């Protein structure tokens, strides 16, 4: 049985999770194929870009403070060099047509973790996201159904 040559980069790209890697300045340096798929981006187009330039906040939901909360999580990782998990977070995705302001509603579980150098300095931040929009939608549908049933009673 032969062994095929592979690289850690290939392994990283193929991970089943949606992972993004940024430097401490929040510039994207790597993303898994699943991250690209989940965030409606083409492979490679995020690299070298500031996270909030490619994932801007939806002005219609800015009062929810999504960008502020996500940025605070990154800053927690930078300051304390420890993992930080946000509560369930609404953060809408800008649709692929880049010249418009159309967004699609999204709810996320977000965890940010540090990658430390051998001397203990922060080298990277790993951003792990899970799209839980369908779960939130089902909960909202159930709540609406309960309210309607209660009104009819």
N, C-alpha and C. Protein backbone atom coordinates (compact mmCIF):
# COMPACT_ATOMS: atom_id res chain seq x y z
N UNK A 1 0.84 -1.17 0.00
CA UNK A 1 0.00 0.00 0.00
C UNK A 1 0.89 1.23 0.00
N UNK A 2 0.84 2.04 -1.06
CA UNK A 2 1.68 3.21 -1.20
C UNK A 2 1.20 4.38 -0.38
N UNK A 3 2.13 5.25 -0.04
CA UNK A 3 1.79 6.46 0.69
C UNK A 3 1.83 7.64 -0.27
N UNK A 4 0.76 8.39 -0.31
CA UNK A 4 0.71 9.56 -1.17
C UNK A 4 1.29 10.75 -0.42
N UNK A 5 2.02 11.56 -1.14
CA UNK A 5 2.59 12.76 -0.53
C UNK A 5 1.46 13.76 -0.29
N UNK A 6 1.51 14.43 0.84
CA UNK A 6 0.52 15.46 1.14
C UNK A 6 1.19 16.50 2.03
N UNK A 7 0.54 17.63 2.11
CA UNK A 7 1.07 18.70 2.96
C UNK A 7 0.07 19.01 4.06
N UNK A 8 0.56 19.64 5.10
CA UNK A 8 -0.34 20.07 6.17
C UNK A 8 -1.35 21.08 5.65
N UNK A 9 -0.96 21.85 4.65
CA UNK A 9 -1.89 22.81 4.03
C UNK A 9 -3.08 22.07 3.42
N UNK A 10 -2.82 20.96 2.75
CA UNK A 10 -3.88 20.15 2.15
C UNK A 10 -4.79 19.58 3.23
N UNK A 11 -4.19 19.11 4.31
CA UNK A 11 -4.97 18.58 5.43
C UNK A 11 -5.84 19.68 6.01
N UNK A 12 -5.27 20.85 6.26
CA UNK A 12 -6.02 21.98 6.81
C UNK A 12 -7.19 22.34 5.92
N UNK A 13 -6.95 22.48 4.61
CA UNK A 13 -8.02 22.85 3.67
C UNK A 13 -9.16 21.84 3.70
N UNK A 14 -8.86 20.60 3.97
CA UNK A 14 -9.85 19.52 3.91
C UNK A 14 -10.58 19.27 5.22
N UNK A 15 -10.21 19.96 6.29
CA UNK A 15 -10.88 19.75 7.57
C UNK A 15 -12.38 19.97 7.42
N UNK A 16 -13.19 19.18 8.11
CA UNK A 16 -14.64 19.32 7.96
C UNK A 16 -15.21 20.56 8.65
N UNK A 17 -14.45 21.23 9.48
CA UNK A 17 -14.92 22.42 10.18
C UNK A 17 -14.70 23.67 9.34
N UNK A 18 -15.44 24.71 9.69
CA UNK A 18 -15.27 26.02 9.04
C UNK A 18 -14.30 26.82 9.90
N UNK A 19 -13.04 26.86 9.47
CA UNK A 19 -11.96 27.53 10.22
C UNK A 19 -11.34 28.64 9.39
N UNK A 20 -11.01 29.71 10.08
CA UNK A 20 -10.33 30.84 9.48
C UNK A 20 -9.12 31.14 10.36
N UNK A 21 -7.99 31.47 9.76
CA UNK A 21 -6.80 31.83 10.52
C UNK A 21 -6.44 33.27 10.18
N UNK A 22 -6.23 34.07 11.23
CA UNK A 22 -5.84 35.48 11.06
C UNK A 22 -4.57 35.76 11.84
N UNK A 23 -3.86 36.80 11.41
CA UNK A 23 -2.75 37.26 12.23
C UNK A 23 -3.32 38.20 13.30
N UNK A 24 -2.51 38.66 14.27
CA UNK A 24 -3.03 39.52 15.33
C UNK A 24 -3.61 40.86 14.85
N UNK A 25 -3.32 41.25 13.61
CA UNK A 25 -3.91 42.47 13.04
C UNK A 25 -5.25 42.18 12.36
N UNK A 26 -5.75 40.96 12.53
CA UNK A 26 -7.02 40.49 11.97
C UNK A 26 -7.01 40.46 10.45
N UNK A 27 -5.84 40.15 9.88
CA UNK A 27 -5.70 39.93 8.45
C UNK A 27 -5.77 38.42 8.22
N UNK A 28 -6.60 38.00 7.30
CA UNK A 28 -6.83 36.58 7.04
C UNK A 28 -5.62 35.98 6.32
N UNK A 29 -5.14 34.86 6.87
CA UNK A 29 -3.99 34.18 6.25
C UNK A 29 -4.33 32.79 5.72
N UNK A 30 -5.45 32.22 6.18
CA UNK A 30 -5.85 30.89 5.69
C UNK A 30 -7.31 30.65 6.05
N UNK A 31 -7.94 29.78 5.27
CA UNK A 31 -9.32 29.36 5.56
C UNK A 31 -9.53 27.98 4.97
N UNK A 32 -10.36 27.20 5.66
CA UNK A 32 -10.68 25.87 5.14
C UNK A 32 -11.69 25.99 4.00
N UNK A 33 -11.73 24.95 3.19
CA UNK A 33 -12.71 24.92 2.10
C UNK A 33 -14.13 25.09 2.66
N UNK A 34 -14.40 24.47 3.81
CA UNK A 34 -15.73 24.59 4.41
C UNK A 34 -16.04 26.02 4.85
N UNK A 35 -15.02 26.76 5.28
CA UNK A 35 -15.25 28.16 5.64
C UNK A 35 -15.68 28.95 4.41
N UNK A 36 -14.99 28.73 3.30
CA UNK A 36 -15.36 29.41 2.06
C UNK A 36 -16.79 29.07 1.66
N UNK A 37 -17.12 27.80 1.72
CA UNK A 37 -18.46 27.35 1.33
C UNK A 37 -19.53 27.96 2.24
N UNK A 38 -19.30 27.90 3.53
CA UNK A 38 -20.27 28.39 4.51
C UNK A 38 -20.49 29.90 4.42
N UNK A 39 -19.43 30.63 4.06
CA UNK A 39 -19.54 32.10 4.02
C UNK A 39 -19.76 32.64 2.62
N UNK A 40 -20.05 31.75 1.66
CA UNK A 40 -20.41 32.15 0.30
C UNK A 40 -19.29 32.89 -0.43
N UNK A 41 -18.06 32.48 -0.17
CA UNK A 41 -16.90 33.08 -0.82
C UNK A 41 -16.19 32.08 -1.71
N UNK A 42 -15.45 32.59 -2.68
CA UNK A 42 -14.65 31.74 -3.55
C UNK A 42 -13.32 31.46 -2.88
N UNK A 43 -12.83 30.26 -3.10
CA UNK A 43 -11.57 29.85 -2.49
C UNK A 43 -10.45 30.84 -2.83
N UNK A 44 -9.75 31.26 -1.81
CA UNK A 44 -8.60 32.14 -1.97
C UNK A 44 -8.91 33.62 -1.91
N UNK A 45 -10.17 34.02 -2.07
CA UNK A 45 -10.46 35.45 -2.17
C UNK A 45 -10.40 36.20 -0.84
N UNK A 46 -10.29 35.51 0.28
CA UNK A 46 -10.23 36.16 1.58
C UNK A 46 -8.80 36.47 2.03
N UNK A 47 -7.86 35.76 1.48
CA UNK A 47 -6.47 35.84 1.95
C UNK A 47 -5.90 37.25 1.79
N UNK A 48 -5.28 37.72 2.87
CA UNK A 48 -4.63 39.04 2.85
C UNK A 48 -5.57 40.19 3.15
N UNK A 49 -6.81 39.89 3.49
CA UNK A 49 -7.80 40.96 3.73
C UNK A 49 -8.16 41.06 5.21
N UNK A 50 -8.49 42.27 5.61
CA UNK A 50 -8.95 42.54 6.98
C UNK A 50 -10.33 41.91 7.16
N UNK A 51 -10.52 41.21 8.26
CA UNK A 51 -11.73 40.43 8.50
C UNK A 51 -13.02 41.23 8.30
N UNK A 52 -13.07 42.46 8.81
CA UNK A 52 -14.32 43.22 8.73
C UNK A 52 -14.49 43.95 7.40
N UNK A 53 -13.46 43.92 6.55
CA UNK A 53 -13.63 44.41 5.18
C UNK A 53 -14.38 43.37 4.34
N UNK A 54 -14.08 42.10 4.57
CA UNK A 54 -14.74 41.04 3.80
C UNK A 54 -16.04 40.56 4.45
N UNK A 55 -16.19 40.83 5.74
CA UNK A 55 -17.42 40.49 6.45
C UNK A 55 -17.95 41.74 7.16
N UNK A 56 -18.44 42.69 6.37
CA UNK A 56 -18.96 43.93 6.97
C UNK A 56 -20.26 43.66 7.72
N UNK A 57 -20.54 44.54 8.64
CA UNK A 57 -21.78 44.42 9.40
C UNK A 57 -22.95 44.92 8.54
N UNK A 58 -24.08 44.25 8.65
CA UNK A 58 -25.29 44.67 7.97
C UNK A 58 -25.82 45.91 8.67
N UNK A 59 -25.93 47.03 7.95
CA UNK A 59 -26.36 48.29 8.57
C UNK A 59 -27.77 48.18 9.14
N UNK A 60 -28.57 47.24 8.64
CA UNK A 60 -29.94 47.07 9.13
C UNK A 60 -29.99 46.35 10.48
N UNK A 61 -28.91 45.67 10.83
CA UNK A 61 -28.87 44.96 12.12
C UNK A 61 -27.73 45.45 13.00
N UNK A 62 -27.16 46.59 12.68
CA UNK A 62 -26.01 47.11 13.43
C UNK A 62 -26.33 47.33 14.90
N UNK A 63 -27.61 47.63 15.21
CA UNK A 63 -27.98 47.85 16.61
C UNK A 63 -27.76 46.60 17.46
N UNK A 64 -27.72 45.44 16.83
CA UNK A 64 -27.46 44.19 17.55
C UNK A 64 -26.00 44.10 17.99
N UNK A 65 -25.13 44.92 17.39
CA UNK A 65 -23.74 44.98 17.80
C UNK A 65 -22.89 43.79 17.42
N UNK A 66 -23.24 43.12 16.33
CA UNK A 66 -22.51 41.93 15.92
C UNK A 66 -21.02 42.16 15.72
N UNK A 67 -20.67 43.19 14.94
CA UNK A 67 -19.26 43.45 14.68
C UNK A 67 -18.53 43.79 15.98
N UNK A 68 -19.15 44.61 16.81
CA UNK A 68 -18.53 45.01 18.07
C UNK A 68 -18.26 43.79 18.96
N UNK A 69 -19.22 42.87 19.02
CA UNK A 69 -19.07 41.68 19.87
C UNK A 69 -18.00 40.73 19.32
N UNK A 70 -18.00 40.54 18.01
CA UNK A 70 -17.01 39.65 17.41
C UNK A 70 -15.61 40.24 17.57
N UNK A 71 -15.50 41.54 17.33
CA UNK A 71 -14.20 42.21 17.49
C UNK A 71 -13.72 42.12 18.94
N UNK A 72 -14.63 42.29 19.88
CA UNK A 72 -14.27 42.17 21.31
C UNK A 72 -13.75 40.77 21.62
N UNK A 73 -14.32 39.75 20.97
CA UNK A 73 -13.84 38.38 21.17
C UNK A 73 -12.42 38.24 20.64
N UNK A 74 -12.15 38.78 19.45
CA UNK A 74 -10.78 38.74 18.90
C UNK A 74 -9.82 39.46 19.85
N UNK A 75 -10.25 40.62 20.34
CA UNK A 75 -9.39 41.41 21.25
C UNK A 75 -9.14 40.67 22.56
N UNK A 76 -10.12 39.91 23.02
CA UNK A 76 -9.93 39.07 24.22
C UNK A 76 -8.82 38.06 23.98
N UNK A 77 -8.86 37.40 22.82
CA UNK A 77 -7.83 36.41 22.47
C UNK A 77 -6.46 37.09 22.38
N UNK A 78 -6.41 38.26 21.76
CA UNK A 78 -5.14 38.99 21.62
C UNK A 78 -4.59 39.38 22.99
N UNK A 79 -5.44 39.91 23.85
CA UNK A 79 -4.99 40.40 25.16
C UNK A 79 -4.62 39.28 26.13
N UNK A 80 -5.49 38.27 26.23
CA UNK A 80 -5.31 37.23 27.25
C UNK A 80 -4.69 35.94 26.73
N UNK A 81 -4.60 35.81 25.39
CA UNK A 81 -4.02 34.61 24.77
C UNK A 81 -4.74 33.34 25.23
N UNK A 82 -6.05 33.46 25.35
CA UNK A 82 -6.90 32.32 25.72
C UNK A 82 -8.07 32.25 24.75
N UNK A 83 -8.66 31.08 24.68
CA UNK A 83 -9.83 30.87 23.83
C UNK A 83 -11.02 31.66 24.35
N UNK A 84 -11.80 32.19 23.42
CA UNK A 84 -13.02 32.91 23.78
C UNK A 84 -14.17 32.43 22.89
N UNK A 85 -15.28 32.08 23.52
CA UNK A 85 -16.47 31.66 22.80
C UNK A 85 -17.57 32.69 23.02
N UNK A 86 -18.16 33.14 21.93
CA UNK A 86 -19.26 34.10 22.02
C UNK A 86 -20.57 33.38 22.27
N UNK A 87 -21.53 34.07 22.91
CA UNK A 87 -22.88 33.51 22.94
C UNK A 87 -23.39 33.45 21.49
N UNK A 88 -24.48 32.74 21.25
CA UNK A 88 -25.04 32.68 19.91
C UNK A 88 -25.15 34.10 19.37
N UNK A 89 -24.66 34.29 18.14
CA UNK A 89 -24.51 35.64 17.60
C UNK A 89 -25.16 35.75 16.23
N UNK A 90 -25.99 36.79 16.06
CA UNK A 90 -26.48 37.09 14.71
C UNK A 90 -25.42 37.95 14.03
N UNK A 91 -25.02 37.51 12.84
CA UNK A 91 -24.08 38.27 12.02
C UNK A 91 -24.37 37.91 10.58
N UNK A 92 -25.09 38.79 9.91
CA UNK A 92 -25.54 38.52 8.55
C UNK A 92 -24.38 38.50 7.57
N UNK A 93 -24.54 37.72 6.51
CA UNK A 93 -23.52 37.60 5.47
C UNK A 93 -23.89 38.46 4.28
N UNK A 94 -22.90 39.20 3.79
CA UNK A 94 -23.09 39.94 2.55
C UNK A 94 -23.11 38.92 1.42
N UNK A 95 -24.08 39.05 0.54
CA UNK A 95 -24.20 38.11 -0.57
C UNK A 95 -23.06 38.31 -1.56
N UNK A 96 -22.74 37.28 -2.35
CA UNK A 96 -21.57 37.31 -3.23
C UNK A 96 -21.49 38.48 -4.21
N UNK A 97 -22.61 39.04 -4.63
CA UNK A 97 -22.54 40.18 -5.54
C UNK A 97 -22.02 41.36 -4.72
N UNK A 98 -20.78 41.70 -4.90
CA UNK A 98 -20.08 42.64 -4.02
C UNK A 98 -20.48 44.11 -4.18
N UNK A 99 -21.21 44.44 -5.23
CA UNK A 99 -21.55 45.84 -5.46
C UNK A 99 -22.94 46.19 -4.96
N UNK A 100 -23.47 45.40 -4.05
CA UNK A 100 -24.79 45.72 -3.51
C UNK A 100 -24.75 45.65 -1.99
N UNK A 101 -25.85 45.95 -1.38
CA UNK A 101 -25.95 45.91 0.07
C UNK A 101 -26.86 44.78 0.54
N UNK A 102 -26.99 43.73 -0.27
CA UNK A 102 -27.86 42.62 0.11
C UNK A 102 -27.14 41.66 1.05
N UNK A 103 -27.83 41.33 2.12
CA UNK A 103 -27.31 40.42 3.12
C UNK A 103 -28.30 39.27 3.30
N UNK A 104 -27.80 38.17 3.82
CA UNK A 104 -28.66 37.06 4.19
C UNK A 104 -28.50 36.84 5.70
N UNK A 105 -29.63 36.61 6.37
CA UNK A 105 -29.61 36.45 7.82
C UNK A 105 -28.83 35.19 8.20
N UNK A 106 -27.98 35.33 9.22
CA UNK A 106 -27.22 34.19 9.72
C UNK A 106 -27.05 34.30 11.24
N UNK A 107 -27.13 33.15 11.88
CA UNK A 107 -26.85 33.00 13.31
C UNK A 107 -25.68 32.04 13.45
N UNK A 108 -24.76 32.36 14.37
CA UNK A 108 -23.50 31.61 14.47
C UNK A 108 -23.18 31.20 15.90
N UNK A 109 -22.45 30.10 16.01
CA UNK A 109 -21.66 29.77 17.19
C UNK A 109 -20.24 30.10 16.78
N UNK A 110 -19.57 30.92 17.57
CA UNK A 110 -18.23 31.40 17.19
C UNK A 110 -17.26 31.16 18.35
N UNK A 111 -16.14 30.53 18.03
CA UNK A 111 -15.07 30.35 19.00
C UNK A 111 -13.77 30.85 18.37
N UNK A 112 -13.03 31.64 19.13
CA UNK A 112 -11.74 32.16 18.68
C UNK A 112 -10.66 31.67 19.62
N UNK A 113 -9.58 31.14 19.05
CA UNK A 113 -8.51 30.56 19.85
C UNK A 113 -7.15 31.07 19.41
N UNK A 114 -6.24 31.23 20.37
CA UNK A 114 -4.90 31.70 20.03
C UNK A 114 -3.99 30.58 19.54
N UNK A 115 -3.05 30.93 18.70
CA UNK A 115 -1.93 30.05 18.34
C UNK A 115 -0.69 30.82 18.79
N UNK A 116 0.02 30.25 19.73
CA UNK A 116 1.18 30.94 20.31
C UNK A 116 2.48 30.44 19.68
N UNK A 117 3.43 31.37 19.55
CA UNK A 117 4.75 31.01 19.06
C UNK A 117 5.50 30.28 20.17
N UNK A 118 6.68 29.78 19.86
CA UNK A 118 7.46 29.05 20.86
C UNK A 118 7.85 29.92 22.05
N UNK A 119 7.88 31.26 21.85
CA UNK A 119 8.21 32.14 22.97
C UNK A 119 6.96 32.72 23.65
N UNK A 120 5.78 32.16 23.32
CA UNK A 120 4.56 32.54 24.00
C UNK A 120 3.84 33.76 23.43
N UNK A 121 4.34 34.28 22.33
CA UNK A 121 3.67 35.42 21.69
C UNK A 121 2.53 34.94 20.80
N UNK A 122 1.51 35.78 20.67
CA UNK A 122 0.39 35.43 19.81
C UNK A 122 0.84 35.49 18.35
N UNK A 123 0.73 34.38 17.65
CA UNK A 123 1.11 34.31 16.24
C UNK A 123 -0.13 34.41 15.35
N UNK A 124 -1.20 33.70 15.74
CA UNK A 124 -2.41 33.66 14.93
C UNK A 124 -3.64 33.53 15.83
N UNK A 125 -4.77 33.83 15.23
CA UNK A 125 -6.07 33.59 15.86
C UNK A 125 -6.82 32.62 14.95
N UNK A 126 -7.31 31.54 15.53
CA UNK A 126 -8.14 30.61 14.78
C UNK A 126 -9.60 30.93 15.11
N UNK A 127 -10.36 31.21 14.07
CA UNK A 127 -11.78 31.54 14.18
C UNK A 127 -12.56 30.32 13.67
N UNK A 128 -13.37 29.74 14.56
CA UNK A 128 -14.18 28.58 14.20
C UNK A 128 -15.64 29.01 14.24
N UNK A 129 -16.34 28.80 13.13
CA UNK A 129 -17.75 29.20 13.08
C UNK A 129 -18.63 28.01 12.72
N UNK A 130 -19.82 28.02 13.29
CA UNK A 130 -20.84 27.02 12.96
C UNK A 130 -22.12 27.79 12.68
N UNK A 131 -22.66 27.60 11.48
CA UNK A 131 -23.91 28.25 11.09
C UNK A 131 -25.07 27.49 11.74
N UNK A 132 -25.77 28.17 12.67
CA UNK A 132 -26.91 27.54 13.35
C UNK A 132 -28.22 28.23 12.97
N UNK A 133 -28.23 28.88 11.83
CA UNK A 133 -29.40 29.62 11.38
C UNK A 133 -30.64 28.73 11.33
N UNK A 134 -30.52 27.53 10.80
CA UNK A 134 -31.69 26.65 10.68
C UNK A 134 -32.26 26.29 12.05
N UNK A 135 -31.40 26.14 13.04
CA UNK A 135 -31.86 25.83 14.41
C UNK A 135 -32.63 27.03 14.97
N UNK A 136 -32.09 28.22 14.82
CA UNK A 136 -32.75 29.43 15.30
C UNK A 136 -34.08 29.64 14.60
N UNK A 137 -34.10 29.41 13.28
CA UNK A 137 -35.35 29.54 12.51
C UNK A 137 -36.42 28.59 13.04
N UNK A 138 -36.03 27.36 13.33
CA UNK A 138 -37.00 26.38 13.86
C UNK A 138 -37.50 26.79 15.24
N UNK A 139 -36.62 27.32 16.07
CA UNK A 139 -37.03 27.81 17.40
C UNK A 139 -38.02 28.96 17.27
N UNK A 140 -37.74 29.88 16.35
CA UNK A 140 -38.64 31.02 16.15
C UNK A 140 -39.99 30.56 15.62
N UNK A 141 -39.99 29.58 14.71
CA UNK A 141 -41.25 29.03 14.20
C UNK A 141 -42.05 28.39 15.33
N UNK A 142 -41.38 27.65 16.19
CA UNK A 142 -42.05 27.00 17.31
C UNK A 142 -42.63 28.03 18.28
N UNK A 143 -41.87 29.08 18.56
CA UNK A 143 -42.36 30.14 19.45
C UNK A 143 -43.59 30.83 18.86
N UNK A 144 -43.56 31.08 17.56
CA UNK A 144 -44.69 31.71 16.88
C UNK A 144 -45.91 30.80 16.96
N UNK A 145 -45.72 29.51 16.71
CA UNK A 145 -46.83 28.55 16.77
C UNK A 145 -47.43 28.49 18.18
N UNK A 146 -46.59 28.51 19.20
CA UNK A 146 -47.07 28.49 20.59
C UNK A 146 -47.89 29.74 20.88
N UNK A 147 -47.39 30.90 20.46
CA UNK A 147 -48.12 32.16 20.68
C UNK A 147 -49.47 32.14 19.98
N UNK A 148 -49.52 31.65 18.74
CA UNK A 148 -50.78 31.57 18.02
C UNK A 148 -51.76 30.63 18.72
N UNK A 149 -51.26 29.51 19.20
CA UNK A 149 -52.10 28.55 19.90
C UNK A 149 -52.66 29.16 21.18
N UNK A 150 -51.80 29.91 21.90
CA UNK A 150 -52.23 30.54 23.15
C UNK A 150 -53.30 31.60 22.88
N UNK A 151 -53.20 32.34 21.79
CA UNK A 151 -54.18 33.36 21.46
C UNK A 151 -55.54 32.73 21.13
N UNK A 152 -55.51 31.56 20.51
CA UNK A 152 -56.74 30.88 20.11
C UNK A 152 -57.41 30.23 21.31
N UNK A 153 -56.66 29.97 22.36
CA UNK A 153 -57.21 29.29 23.54
C UNK A 153 -58.06 30.21 24.37
